[in-house]
Amino acid sequence: MAKIKKGDLVVVIAGRDRGQQGRVLEVLTETDRVLVEGVQRVTKHIKPGTRRDNQQGGLVTVEAPIHISNVMLVDPETKKGTRVGYRTEQVERDGRERTQRVRVAKRSGKDV
């Protein structure tokens, strides 16, 4: 189970974009990679008419996947990178007690 999910704010901790922050656009679980907005930008050559948004073709700059071990979740309190832990809570739903896992920032102890 990946500790980083779509929509999370992450910071890059390794590679040429080290130190940059961005939102996770997509998590690729099969290859353990994530697409981060504005990070790992590469230039692709697009043929004319192959995409709806680019009818004439040419060079397009897009985000490439980065390995999940090279990003770290940003702590909501300190705005720095943090590890992710889990806490279990008992929640009552539909009149029944259920166990729910909540993501917790290890640096500050706050819920993510």
PDB file of N, CA and C in Angstrom:
ATOM      1  N   MET A   1       0.839  -1.185   0.000  1.00  0.00           N
ATOM      2  CA  MET A   1       0.000   0.000   0.000  1.00  0.00           C
ATOM      3  C   MET A   1       0.882   1.245   0.000  1.00  0.00           C
ATOM      4  N   ALA A   2       0.662   2.098  -0.973  1.00  0.00           N
ATOM      5  CA  ALA A   2       1.470   3.313  -1.090  1.00  0.00           C
ATOM      6  C   ALA A   2       1.025   4.331  -0.051  1.00  0.00           C
ATOM      7  N   LYS A   3       1.975   5.016   0.536  1.00  0.00           N
ATOM      8  CA  LYS A   3       1.660   6.011   1.552  1.00  0.00           C
ATOM      9  C   LYS A   3       1.386   7.375   0.942  1.00  0.00           C
ATOM     10  N   ILE A   4       1.601   7.501  -0.356  1.00  0.00           N
ATOM     11  CA  ILE A   4       1.342   8.753  -1.060  1.00  0.00           C
ATOM     12  C   ILE A   4       0.161   8.526  -1.990  1.00  0.00           C
ATOM     13  N   LYS A   5      -0.776   9.465  -1.962  1.00  0.00           N
ATOM     14  CA  LYS A   5      -2.000   9.323  -2.746  1.00  0.00           C
ATOM     15  C   LYS A   5      -2.174  10.510  -3.678  1.00  0.00           C
ATOM     16  N   LYS A   6      -3.087  10.367  -4.616  1.00  0.00           N
ATOM     17  CA  LYS A   6      -3.400  11.426  -5.565  1.00  0.00           C
ATOM     18  C   LYS A   6      -3.895  12.663  -4.822  1.00  0.00           C
ATOM     19  N   GLY A   7      -3.361  13.826  -5.183  1.00  0.00           N
ATOM     20  CA  GLY A   7      -3.765  15.078  -4.551  1.00  0.00           C
ATOM     21  C   GLY A   7      -2.877  15.511  -3.404  1.00  0.00           C
ATOM     22  N   ASP A   8      -1.960  14.639  -2.944  1.00  0.00           N
ATOM     23  CA  ASP A   8      -1.058  14.996  -1.850  1.00  0.00           C
ATOM     24  C   ASP A   8      -0.027  16.019  -2.313  1.00  0.00           C
ATOM     25  N   LEU A   9       0.404  16.864  -1.397  1.00  0.00           N
ATOM     26  CA  LEU A   9       1.495  17.799  -1.658  1.00  0.00           C
ATOM     27  C   LEU A   9       2.791  17.104  -1.250  1.00  0.00           C
ATOM     28  N   VAL A  10       3.723  16.962  -2.195  1.00  0.00           N
ATOM     29  CA  VAL A  10       4.975  16.257  -1.934  1.00  0.00           C
ATOM     30  C   VAL A  10       6.155  17.135  -2.294  1.00  0.00           C
ATOM     31  N   VAL A  11       7.316  16.782  -1.741  1.00  0.00           N
ATOM     32  CA  VAL A  11       8.568  17.451  -2.059  1.00  0.00           C
ATOM     33  C   VAL A  11       9.512  16.391  -2.628  1.00  0.00           C
ATOM     34  N   VAL A  12      10.269  16.757  -3.667  1.00  0.00           N
ATOM     35  CA  VAL A  12      11.222  15.835  -4.280  1.00  0.00           C
ATOM     36  C   VAL A  12      12.489  15.840  -3.444  1.00  0.00           C
ATOM     37  N   ILE A  13      12.964  14.637  -3.051  1.00  0.00           N
ATOM     38  CA  ILE A  13      14.140  14.546  -2.185  1.00  0.00           C
ATOM     39  C   ILE A  13      15.365  14.033  -2.914  1.00  0.00           C
ATOM     40  N   ALA A  14      15.233  13.622  -4.176  1.00  0.00           N
ATOM     41  CA  ALA A  14      16.379  13.127  -4.935  1.00  0.00           C
ATOM     42  C   ALA A  14      16.166  13.408  -6.415  1.00  0.00           C
ATOM     43  N   GLY A  15      17.261  13.569  -7.135  1.00  0.00           N
ATOM     44  CA  GLY A  15      17.189  13.802  -8.573  1.00  0.00           C
ATOM     45  C   GLY A  15      17.432  15.250  -8.933  1.00  0.00           C
ATOM     46  N   ARG A  16      17.258  15.552 -10.206  1.00  0.00           N
ATOM     47  CA  ARG A  16      17.575  16.894 -10.687  1.00  0.00           C
ATOM     48  C   ARG A  16      16.585  17.950 -10.195  1.00  0.00           C
ATOM     49  N   ASP A  17      15.391  17.539  -9.774  1.00  0.00           N
ATOM     50  CA  ASP A  17      14.377  18.473  -9.290  1.00  0.00           C
ATOM     51  C   ASP A  17      14.288  18.501  -7.765  1.00  0.00           C
ATOM     52  N   ARG A  18      15.370  18.115  -7.089  1.00  0.00           N
ATOM     53  CA  ARG A  18      15.374  18.054  -5.628  1.00  0.00           C
ATOM     54  C   ARG A  18      14.989  19.401  -5.019  1.00  0.00           C
ATOM     55  N   GLY A  19      14.084  19.360  -4.041  1.00  0.00           N
ATOM     56  CA  GLY A  19      13.638  20.567  -3.358  1.00  0.00           C
ATOM     57  C   GLY A  19      12.342  21.145  -3.881  1.00  0.00           C
ATOM     58  N   GLN A  20      11.903  20.738  -5.061  1.00  0.00           N
ATOM     59  CA  GLN A  20      10.669  21.274  -5.622  1.00  0.00           C
ATOM     60  C   GLN A  20       9.454  20.596  -4.998  1.00  0.00           C
ATOM     61  N   GLN A  21       8.377  21.372  -4.864  1.00  0.00           N
ATOM     62  CA  GLN A  21       7.129  20.839  -4.336  1.00  0.00           C
ATOM     63  C   GLN A  21       6.076  20.838  -5.423  1.00  0.00           C
ATOM     64  N   GLY A  22       5.124  19.917  -5.300  1.00  0.00           N
ATOM     65  CA  GLY A  22       4.024  19.856  -6.260  1.00  0.00           C
ATOM     66  C   GLY A  22       2.969  18.867  -5.807  1.00  0.00           C
ATOM     67  N   ARG A  23       1.814  18.935  -6.457  1.00  0.00           N
ATOM     68  CA  ARG A  23       0.704  18.025  -6.166  1.00  0.00           C
ATOM     69  C   ARG A  23       0.855  16.751  -6.994  1.00  0.00           C
ATOM     70  N   VAL A  24       0.452  15.632  -6.401  1.00  0.00           N
ATOM     71  CA  VAL A  24       0.493  14.352  -7.105  1.00  0.00           C
ATOM     72  C   VAL A  24      -0.704  14.298  -8.047  1.00  0.00           C
ATOM     73  N   LEU A  25      -0.424  14.122  -9.344  1.00  0.00           N
ATOM     74  CA  LEU A  25      -1.479  14.038 -10.340  1.00  0.00           C
ATOM     75  C   LEU A  25      -1.987  12.611 -10.512  1.00  0.00           C
ATOM     76  N   GLU A  26      -1.076  11.639 -10.364  1.00  0.00           N
ATOM     77  CA  GLU A  26      -1.439  10.245 -10.583  1.00  0.00           C
ATOM     78  C   GLU A  26      -0.436   9.357  -9.871  1.00  0.00           C
ATOM     79  N   VAL A  27      -0.909   8.222  -9.339  1.00  0.00           N
ATOM     80  CA  VAL A  27      -0.044   7.234  -8.713  1.00  0.00           C
ATOM     81  C   VAL A  27      -0.088   5.980  -9.576  1.00  0.00           C
ATOM     82  N   LEU A  28       1.080   5.544 -10.047  1.00  0.00           N
ATOM     83  CA  LEU A  28       1.193   4.343 -10.877  1.00  0.00           C
ATOM     84  C   LEU A  28       1.678   3.200  -9.977  1.00  0.00           C
ATOM     85  N   THR A  29       0.747   2.413  -9.446  1.00  0.00           N
ATOM     86  CA  THR A  29       1.090   1.405  -8.450  1.00  0.00           C
ATOM     87  C   THR A  29       1.870   0.234  -9.030  1.00  0.00           C
ATOM     88  N   GLU A  30       1.679  -0.080 -10.297  1.00  0.00           N
ATOM     89  CA  GLU A  30       2.368  -1.218 -10.904  1.00  0.00           C
ATOM     90  C   GLU A  30       3.875  -1.001 -10.968  1.00  0.00           C
ATOM     91  N   THR A  31       4.284   0.238 -11.209  1.00  0.00           N
ATOM     92  CA  THR A  31       5.705   0.552 -11.354  1.00  0.00           C
ATOM     93  C   THR A  31       6.257   1.365 -10.181  1.00  0.00           C
ATOM     94  N   ASP A  32       5.462   1.603  -9.137  1.00  0.00           N
ATOM     95  CA  ASP A  32       5.868   2.388  -7.963  1.00  0.00           C
ATOM     96  C   ASP A  32       6.351   3.782  -8.350  1.00  0.00           C
ATOM     97  N   ARG A  33       5.587   4.452  -9.189  1.00  0.00           N
ATOM     98  CA  ARG A  33       5.942   5.799  -9.636  1.00  0.00           C
ATOM     99  C   ARG A  33       4.767   6.745  -9.454  1.00  0.00           C
ATOM    100  N   VAL A  34       5.078   8.039  -9.418  1.00  0.00           N
ATOM    101  CA  VAL A  34       4.050   9.068  -9.288  1.00  0.00           C
ATOM    102  C   VAL A  34       4.300  10.163 -10.317  1.00  0.00           C
ATOM    103  N   LEU A  35       3.216  10.814 -10.743  1.00  0.00           N
ATOM    104  CA  LEU A  35       3.310  11.996 -11.593  1.00  0.00           C
ATOM    105  C   LEU A  35       3.089  13.203 -10.694  1.00  0.00           C
ATOM    106  N   VAL A  36       4.075  14.104 -10.647  1.00  0.00           N
ATOM    107  CA  VAL A  36       3.991  15.282  -9.794  1.00  0.00           C
ATOM    108  C   VAL A  36       3.909  16.515 -10.684  1.00  0.00           C
ATOM    109  N   GLU A  37       2.980  17.398 -10.360  1.00  0.00           N
ATOM    110  CA  GLU A  37       2.736  18.598 -11.151  1.00  0.00           C
ATOM    111  C   GLU A  37       3.959  19.517 -11.135  1.00  0.00           C
ATOM    112  N   GLY A  38       4.495  19.832 -12.313  1.00  0.00           N
ATOM    113  CA  GLY A  38       5.609  20.758 -12.438  1.00  0.00           C
ATOM    114  C   GLY A  38       6.982  20.167 -12.156  1.00  0.00           C
ATOM    115  N   VAL A  39       7.077  18.851 -11.967  1.00  0.00           N
ATOM    116  CA  VAL A  39       8.339  18.198 -11.634  1.00  0.00           C
ATOM    117  C   VAL A  39       8.648  17.159 -12.705  1.00  0.00           C
ATOM    118  N   GLN A  40       9.947  16.981 -13.007  1.00  0.00           N
ATOM    119  CA  GLN A  40      10.409  15.993 -13.990  1.00  0.00           C
ATOM    120  C   GLN A  40       9.783  16.278 -15.365  1.00  0.00           C
ATOM    121  N   ARG A  41       9.859  17.531 -15.788  1.00  0.00           N
ATOM    122  CA  ARG A  41       9.298  17.933 -17.086  1.00  0.00           C
ATOM    123  C   ARG A  41      10.222  17.467 -18.209  1.00  0.00           C
ATOM    124  N   VAL A  42       9.636  16.833 -19.211  1.00  0.00           N
ATOM    125  CA  VAL A  42      10.383  16.351 -20.360  1.00  0.00           C
ATOM    126  C   VAL A  42       9.704  16.856 -21.627  1.00  0.00           C
ATOM    127  N   THR A  43      10.474  16.929 -22.714  1.00  0.00           N
ATOM    128  CA  THR A  43       9.958  17.367 -23.996  1.00  0.00           C
ATOM    129  C   THR A  43       9.646  16.151 -24.846  1.00  0.00           C
ATOM    130  N   LYS A  44       8.412  16.089 -25.349  1.00  0.00           N
ATOM    131  CA  LYS A  44       7.997  14.979 -26.200  1.00  0.00           C
ATOM    132  C   LYS A  44       7.700  15.505 -27.597  1.00  0.00           C
ATOM    133  N   HIS A  45       8.000  14.683 -28.587  1.00  0.00           N
ATOM    134  CA  HIS A  45       7.675  15.005 -29.972  1.00  0.00           C
ATOM    135  C   HIS A  45       6.329  14.365 -30.293  1.00  0.00           C
ATOM    136  N   ILE A  46       5.352  15.187 -30.685  1.00  0.00           N
ATOM    137  CA  ILE A  46       3.997  14.718 -30.953  1.00  0.00           C
ATOM    138  C   ILE A  46       3.714  14.818 -32.440  1.00  0.00           C
ATOM    139  N   LYS A  47       3.188  13.726 -32.998  1.00  0.00           N
ATOM    140  CA  LYS A  47       2.801  13.730 -34.414  1.00  0.00           C
ATOM    141  C   LYS A  47       1.541  14.563 -34.603  1.00  0.00           C
ATOM    142  N   PRO A  48       1.373  15.155 -35.756  1.00  0.00           N
ATOM    143  CA  PRO A  48       0.154  15.941 -36.012  1.00  0.00           C
ATOM    144  C   PRO A  48      -1.089  15.054 -35.986  1.00  0.00           C
ATOM    145  N   GLY A  49      -2.123  15.532 -35.301  1.00  0.00           N
ATOM    146  CA  GLY A  49      -3.417  14.855 -35.303  1.00  0.00           C
ATOM    147  C   GLY A  49      -3.522  13.656 -34.384  1.00  0.00           C
ATOM    148  N   THR A  50      -2.495  13.352 -33.580  1.00  0.00           N
ATOM    149  CA  THR A  50      -2.586  12.184 -32.712  1.00  0.00           C
ATOM    150  C   THR A  50      -3.288  12.504 -31.398  1.00  0.00           C
ATOM    151  N   ARG A  51      -3.363  13.762 -31.037  1.00  0.00           N
ATOM    152  CA  ARG A  51      -4.033  14.162 -29.799  1.00  0.00           C
ATOM    153  C   ARG A  51      -5.035  15.258 -30.094  1.00  0.00           C
ATOM    154  N   ARG A  52      -6.079  15.292 -29.310  1.00  0.00           N
ATOM    155  CA  ARG A  52      -7.111  16.316 -29.519  1.00  0.00           C
ATOM    156  C   ARG A  52      -6.606  17.711 -29.157  1.00  0.00           C
ATOM    157  N   ASP A  53      -5.780  17.790 -28.094  1.00  0.00           N
ATOM    158  CA  ASP A  53      -5.327  19.112 -27.659  1.00  0.00           C
ATOM    159  C   ASP A  53      -4.198  19.666 -28.523  1.00  0.00           C
ATOM    160  N   ASN A  54      -3.588  18.850 -29.387  1.00  0.00           N
ATOM    161  CA  ASN A  54      -2.485  19.309 -30.226  1.00  0.00           C
ATOM    162  C   ASN A  54      -2.680  18.789 -31.649  1.00  0.00           C
ATOM    163  N   GLN A  55      -3.450  19.497 -32.447  1.00  0.00           N
ATOM    164  CA  GLN A  55      -3.753  19.066 -33.811  1.00  0.00           C
ATOM    165  C   GLN A  55      -2.580  19.233 -34.759  1.00  0.00           C
ATOM    166  N   GLN A  56      -1.683  20.201 -34.508  1.00  0.00           N
ATOM    167  CA  GLN A  56      -0.624  20.478 -35.462  1.00  0.00           C
ATOM    168  C   GLN A  56       0.674  19.750 -35.151  1.00  0.00           C
ATOM    169  N   GLY A  57       0.786  19.151 -33.979  1.00  0.00           N
ATOM    170  CA  GLY A  57       2.003  18.426 -33.639  1.00  0.00           C
ATOM    171  C   GLY A  57       3.092  19.361 -33.161  1.00  0.00           C
ATOM    172  N   GLY A  58       4.279  18.788 -32.953  1.00  0.00           N
ATOM    173  CA  GLY A  58       5.407  19.595 -32.511  1.00  0.00           C
ATOM    174  C   GLY A  58       5.950  19.114 -31.181  1.00  0.00           C
ATOM    175  N   LEU A  59       6.604  20.028 -30.473  1.00  0.00           N
ATOM    176  CA  LEU A  59       7.206  19.710 -29.186  1.00  0.00           C
ATOM    177  C   LEU A  59       6.258  20.103 -28.051  1.00  0.00           C
ATOM    178  N   VAL A  60       6.051  19.169 -27.121  1.00  0.00           N
ATOM    179  CA  VAL A  60       5.176  19.413 -25.984  1.00  0.00           C
ATOM    180  C   VAL A  60       5.938  19.060 -24.714  1.00  0.00           C
ATOM    181  N   THR A  61       5.844  19.896 -23.696  1.00  0.00           N
ATOM    182  CA  THR A  61       6.493  19.627 -22.420  1.00  0.00           C
ATOM    183  C   THR A  61       5.463  19.030 -21.467  1.00  0.00           C
ATOM    184  N   VAL A  62       5.760  17.833 -20.952  1.00  0.00           N
ATOM    185  CA  VAL A  62       4.844  17.130 -20.059  1.00  0.00           C
ATOM    186  C   VAL A  62       5.617  16.607 -18.848  1.00  0.00           C
ATOM    187  N   GLU A  63       4.876  16.190 -17.805  1.00  0.00           N
ATOM    188  CA  GLU A  63       5.494  15.593 -16.627  1.00  0.00           C
ATOM    189  C   GLU A  63       5.755  14.116 -16.877  1.00  0.00           C
ATOM    190  N   ALA A  64       6.930  13.653 -16.482  1.00  0.00           N
ATOM    191  CA  ALA A  64       7.275  12.237 -16.575  1.00  0.00           C
ATOM    192  C   ALA A  64       7.176  11.641 -15.169  1.00  0.00           C
ATOM    193  N   PRO A  65       6.928  10.326 -15.078  1.00  0.00           N
ATOM    194  CA  PRO A  65       6.833   9.702 -13.750  1.00  0.00           C
ATOM    195  C   PRO A  65       8.168   9.731 -13.017  1.00  0.00           C
ATOM    196  N   ILE A  66       8.095   9.848 -11.688  1.00  0.00           N
ATOM    197  CA  ILE A  66       9.259   9.820 -10.822  1.00  0.00           C
ATOM    198  C   ILE A  66       9.022   8.711  -9.797  1.00  0.00           C
ATOM    199  N   HIS A  67      10.078   8.026  -9.384  1.00  0.00           N
ATOM    200  CA  HIS A  67       9.915   6.908  -8.460  1.00  0.00           C
ATOM    201  C   HIS A  67       9.396   7.408  -7.114  1.00  0.00           C
ATOM    202  N   ILE A  68       8.528   6.614  -6.514  1.00  0.00           N
ATOM    203  CA  ILE A  68       7.853   7.029  -5.279  1.00  0.00           C
ATOM    204  C   ILE A  68       8.823   7.199  -4.121  1.00  0.00           C
ATOM    205  N   SER A  69       9.991   6.526  -4.179  1.00  0.00           N
ATOM    206  CA  SER A  69      10.974   6.666  -3.103  1.00  0.00           C
ATOM    207  C   SER A  69      11.706   8.003  -3.173  1.00  0.00           C
ATOM    208  N   ASN A  70      11.570   8.726  -4.274  1.00  0.00           N
ATOM    209  CA  ASN A  70      12.246  10.010  -4.435  1.00  0.00           C
ATOM    210  C   ASN A  70      11.368  11.197  -4.053  1.00  0.00           C
ATOM    211  N   VAL A  71      10.178  10.938  -3.536  1.00  0.00           N
ATOM    212  CA  VAL A  71       9.304  12.014  -3.066  1.00  0.00           C
ATOM    213  C   VAL A  71       8.928  11.756  -1.615  1.00  0.00           C
ATOM    214  N   MET A  72       8.613  12.841  -0.903  1.00  0.00           N
ATOM    215  CA  MET A  72       8.250  12.753   0.503  1.00  0.00           C
ATOM    216  C   MET A  72       7.062  13.672   0.736  1.00  0.00           C
ATOM    217  N   LEU A  73       6.114  13.217   1.520  1.00  0.00           N
ATOM    218  CA  LEU A  73       4.929  13.996   1.828  1.00  0.00           C
ATOM    219  C   LEU A  73       5.313  15.255   2.599  1.00  0.00           C
ATOM    220  N   VAL A  74       4.636  16.367   2.322  1.00  0.00           N
ATOM    221  CA  VAL A  74       4.894  17.628   3.009  1.00  0.00           C
ATOM    222  C   VAL A  74       4.009  17.692   4.251  1.00  0.00           C
ATOM    223  N   ASP A  75       4.643  17.961   5.393  1.00  0.00           N
ATOM    224  CA  ASP A  75       3.929  18.067   6.669  1.00  0.00           C
ATOM    225  C   ASP A  75       3.013  19.291   6.627  1.00  0.00           C
ATOM    226  N   PRO A  76       1.732  19.149   6.985  1.00  0.00           N
ATOM    227  CA  PRO A  76       0.821  20.298   6.918  1.00  0.00           C
ATOM    228  C   PRO A  76       1.170  21.413   7.906  1.00  0.00           C
ATOM    229  N   GLU A  77       1.890  21.101   8.970  1.00  0.00           N
ATOM    230  CA  GLU A  77       2.211  22.111   9.978  1.00  0.00           C
ATOM    231  C   GLU A  77       3.538  22.813   9.704  1.00  0.00           C
ATOM    232  N   THR A  78       4.600  22.028   9.444  1.00  0.00           N
ATOM    233  CA  THR A  78       5.932  22.616   9.298  1.00  0.00           C
ATOM    234  C   THR A  78       6.305  22.929   7.855  1.00  0.00           C
ATOM    235  N   LYS A  79       5.529  22.448   6.898  1.00  0.00           N
ATOM    236  CA  LYS A  79       5.773  22.652   5.457  1.00  0.00           C
ATOM    237  C   LYS A  79       7.102  22.055   5.005  1.00  0.00           C
ATOM    238  N   LYS A  80       7.596  21.031   5.721  1.00  0.00           N
ATOM    239  CA  LYS A  80       8.800  20.302   5.339  1.00  0.00           C
ATOM    240  C   LYS A  80       8.430  18.853   5.073  1.00  0.00           C
ATOM    241  N   GLY A  81       9.358  18.113   4.481  1.00  0.00           N
ATOM    242  CA  GLY A  81       9.114  16.709   4.208  1.00  0.00           C
ATOM    243  C   GLY A  81       8.971  15.900   5.483  1.00  0.00           C
ATOM    244  N   THR A  82       8.097  14.886   5.447  1.00  0.00           N
ATOM    245  CA  THR A  82       7.879  14.045   6.610  1.00  0.00           C
ATOM    246  C   THR A  82       7.576  12.624   6.175  1.00  0.00           C
ATOM    247  N   ARG A  83       7.825  11.701   7.080  1.00  0.00           N
ATOM    248  CA  ARG A  83       7.435  10.322   6.842  1.00  0.00           C
ATOM    249  C   ARG A  83       5.967  10.181   7.208  1.00  0.00           C
ATOM    250  N   VAL A  84       5.368   9.074   6.744  1.00  0.00           N
ATOM    251  CA  VAL A  84       3.956   8.841   6.978  1.00  0.00           C
ATOM    252  C   VAL A  84       3.792   7.607   7.851  1.00  0.00           C
ATOM    253  N   GLY A  85       2.968   7.722   8.882  1.00  0.00           N
ATOM    254  CA  GLY A  85       2.624   6.592   9.724  1.00  0.00           C
ATOM    255  C   GLY A  85       1.119   6.414   9.726  1.00  0.00           C
ATOM    256  N   TYR A  86       0.655   5.386  10.409  1.00  0.00           N
ATOM    257  CA  TYR A  86      -0.772   5.122  10.488  1.00  0.00           C
ATOM    258  C   TYR A  86      -1.199   4.988  11.932  1.00  0.00           C
ATOM    259  N   ARG A  87      -2.412   5.434  12.208  1.00  0.00           N
ATOM    260  CA  ARG A  87      -3.030   5.268  13.509  1.00  0.00           C
ATOM    261  C   ARG A  87      -4.390   4.637  13.277  1.00  0.00           C
ATOM    262  N   THR A  88      -4.782   3.695  14.127  1.00  0.00           N
ATOM    263  CA  THR A  88      -6.092   3.067  13.981  1.00  0.00           C
ATOM    264  C   THR A  88      -7.067   3.704  14.949  1.00  0.00           C
ATOM    265  N   GLU A  89      -8.282   3.918  14.466  1.00  0.00           N
ATOM    266  CA  GLU A  89      -9.336   4.510  15.273  1.00  0.00           C
ATOM    267  C   GLU A  89     -10.576   3.639  15.187  1.00  0.00           C
ATOM    268  N   GLN A  90     -11.353   3.647  16.240  1.00  0.00           N
ATOM    269  CA  GLN A  90     -12.639   2.970  16.233  1.00  0.00           C
ATOM    270  C   GLN A  90     -13.696   3.995  15.824  1.00  0.00           C
ATOM    271  N   VAL A  91     -14.394   3.720  14.719  1.00  0.00           N
ATOM    272  CA  VAL A  91     -15.400   4.631  14.200  1.00  0.00           C
ATOM    273  C   VAL A  91     -16.723   3.883  14.159  1.00  0.00           C
ATOM    274  N   GLU A  92     -17.793   4.578  14.575  1.00  0.00           N
ATOM    275  CA  GLU A  92     -19.114   3.950  14.529  1.00  0.00           C
ATOM    276  C   GLU A  92     -19.812   4.372  13.248  1.00  0.00           C
ATOM    277  N   ARG A  93     -20.121   3.370  12.414  1.00  0.00           N
ATOM    278  CA  ARG A  93     -20.798   3.607  11.150  1.00  0.00           C
ATOM    279  C   ARG A  93     -21.954   2.634  11.014  1.00  0.00           C
ATOM    280  N   ASP A  94     -23.106   3.155  10.701  1.00  0.00           N
ATOM    281  CA  ASP A  94     -24.309   2.331  10.538  1.00  0.00           C
ATOM    282  C   ASP A  94     -24.586   1.497  11.786  1.00  0.00           C
ATOM    283  N   GLY A  95     -24.290   2.051  12.952  1.00  0.00           N
ATOM    284  CA  GLY A  95     -24.547   1.360  14.203  1.00  0.00           C
ATOM    285  C   GLY A  95     -23.553   0.267  14.544  1.00  0.00           C
ATOM    286  N   ARG A  96     -22.468   0.163  13.779  1.00  0.00           N
ATOM    287  CA  ARG A  96     -21.449  -0.865  14.032  1.00  0.00           C
ATOM    288  C   ARG A  96     -20.098  -0.205  14.250  1.00  0.00           C
ATOM    289  N   GLU A  97     -19.299  -0.807  15.121  1.00  0.00           N
ATOM    290  CA  GLU A  97     -17.940  -0.330  15.356  1.00  0.00           C
ATOM    291  C   GLU A  97     -17.032  -0.843  14.242  1.00  0.00           C
ATOM    292  N   ARG A  98     -16.267   0.050  13.646  1.00  0.00           N
ATOM    293  CA  ARG A  98     -15.322  -0.322  12.598  1.00  0.00           C
ATOM    294  C   ARG A  98     -13.968   0.280  12.909  1.00  0.00           C
ATOM    295  N   THR A  99     -12.930  -0.411  12.454  1.00  0.00           N
ATOM    296  CA  THR A  99     -11.572   0.096  12.611  1.00  0.00           C
ATOM    297  C   THR A  99     -11.181   0.829  11.344  1.00  0.00           C
ATOM    298  N   GLN A 100     -10.665   2.052  11.503  1.00  0.00           N
ATOM    299  CA  GLN A 100     -10.269   2.873  10.365  1.00  0.00           C
ATOM    300  C   GLN A 100      -8.826   3.307  10.540  1.00  0.00           C
ATOM    301  N   ARG A 101      -8.049   3.239   9.451  1.00  0.00           N
ATOM    302  CA  ARG A 101      -6.655   3.679   9.486  1.00  0.00           C
ATOM    303  C   ARG A 101      -6.578   5.126   9.033  1.00  0.00           C
ATOM    304  N   VAL A 102      -5.847   5.936   9.801  1.00  0.00           N
ATOM    305  CA  VAL A 102      -5.682   7.362   9.506  1.00  0.00           C
ATOM    306  C   VAL A 102      -4.204   7.619   9.276  1.00  0.00           C
ATOM    307  N   ARG A 103      -3.864   8.345   8.192  1.00  0.00           N
ATOM    308  CA  ARG A 103      -2.480   8.705   7.936  1.00  0.00           C
ATOM    309  C   ARG A 103      -2.043   9.829   8.867  1.00  0.00           C
ATOM    310  N   VAL A 104      -0.834   9.696   9.417  1.00  0.00           N
ATOM    311  CA  VAL A 104      -0.307  10.661  10.380  1.00  0.00           C
ATOM    312  C   VAL A 104       1.086  11.058   9.950  1.00  0.00           C
ATOM    313  N   ALA A 105       1.391  12.374  10.026  1.00  0.00           N
ATOM    314  CA  ALA A 105       2.741  12.872   9.742  1.00  0.00           C
ATOM    315  C   ALA A 105       3.624  12.570  10.937  1.00  0.00           C
ATOM    316  N   LYS A 106       4.747  11.906  10.696  1.00  0.00           N
ATOM    317  CA  LYS A 106       5.649  11.535  11.789  1.00  0.00           C
ATOM    318  C   LYS A 106       6.348  12.752  12.403  1.00  0.00           C
ATOM    319  N   ARG A 107       6.574  13.797  11.615  1.00  0.00           N
ATOM    320  CA  ARG A 107       7.311  14.968  12.101  1.00  0.00           C
ATOM    321  C   ARG A 107       6.499  15.727  13.151  1.00  0.00           C
ATOM    322  N   SER A 108       5.212  15.970  12.896  1.00  0.00           N
ATOM    323  CA  SER A 108       4.410  16.767  13.814  1.00  0.00           C
ATOM    324  C   SER A 108       3.342  15.978  14.548  1.00  0.00           C
ATOM    325  N   GLY A 109       3.004  14.795  14.066  1.00  0.00           N
ATOM    326  CA  GLY A 109       1.962  14.000  14.694  1.00  0.00           C
ATOM    327  C   GLY A 109       0.561  14.379  14.259  1.00  0.00           C
ATOM    328  N   LYS A 110       0.444  15.300  13.306  1.00  0.00           N
ATOM    329  CA  LYS A 110      -0.872  15.751  12.829  1.00  0.00           C
ATOM    330  C   LYS A 110      -1.401  14.796  11.756  1.00  0.00           C
ATOM    331  N   ASP A 111      -2.736  14.758  11.617  1.00  0.00           N
ATOM    332  CA  ASP A 111      -3.363  13.951  10.569  1.00  0.00           C
ATOM    333  C   ASP A 111      -3.081  14.579   9.202  1.00  0.00           C
ATOM    334  N   VAL A 112      -2.917  13.722   8.212  1.00  0.00           N
ATOM    335  CA  VAL A 112      -2.654  14.183   6.853  1.00  0.00           C
ATOM    336  C   VAL A 112      -3.954  14.184   6.077  1.00  0.00           C
TER     337      VAL A 112
END
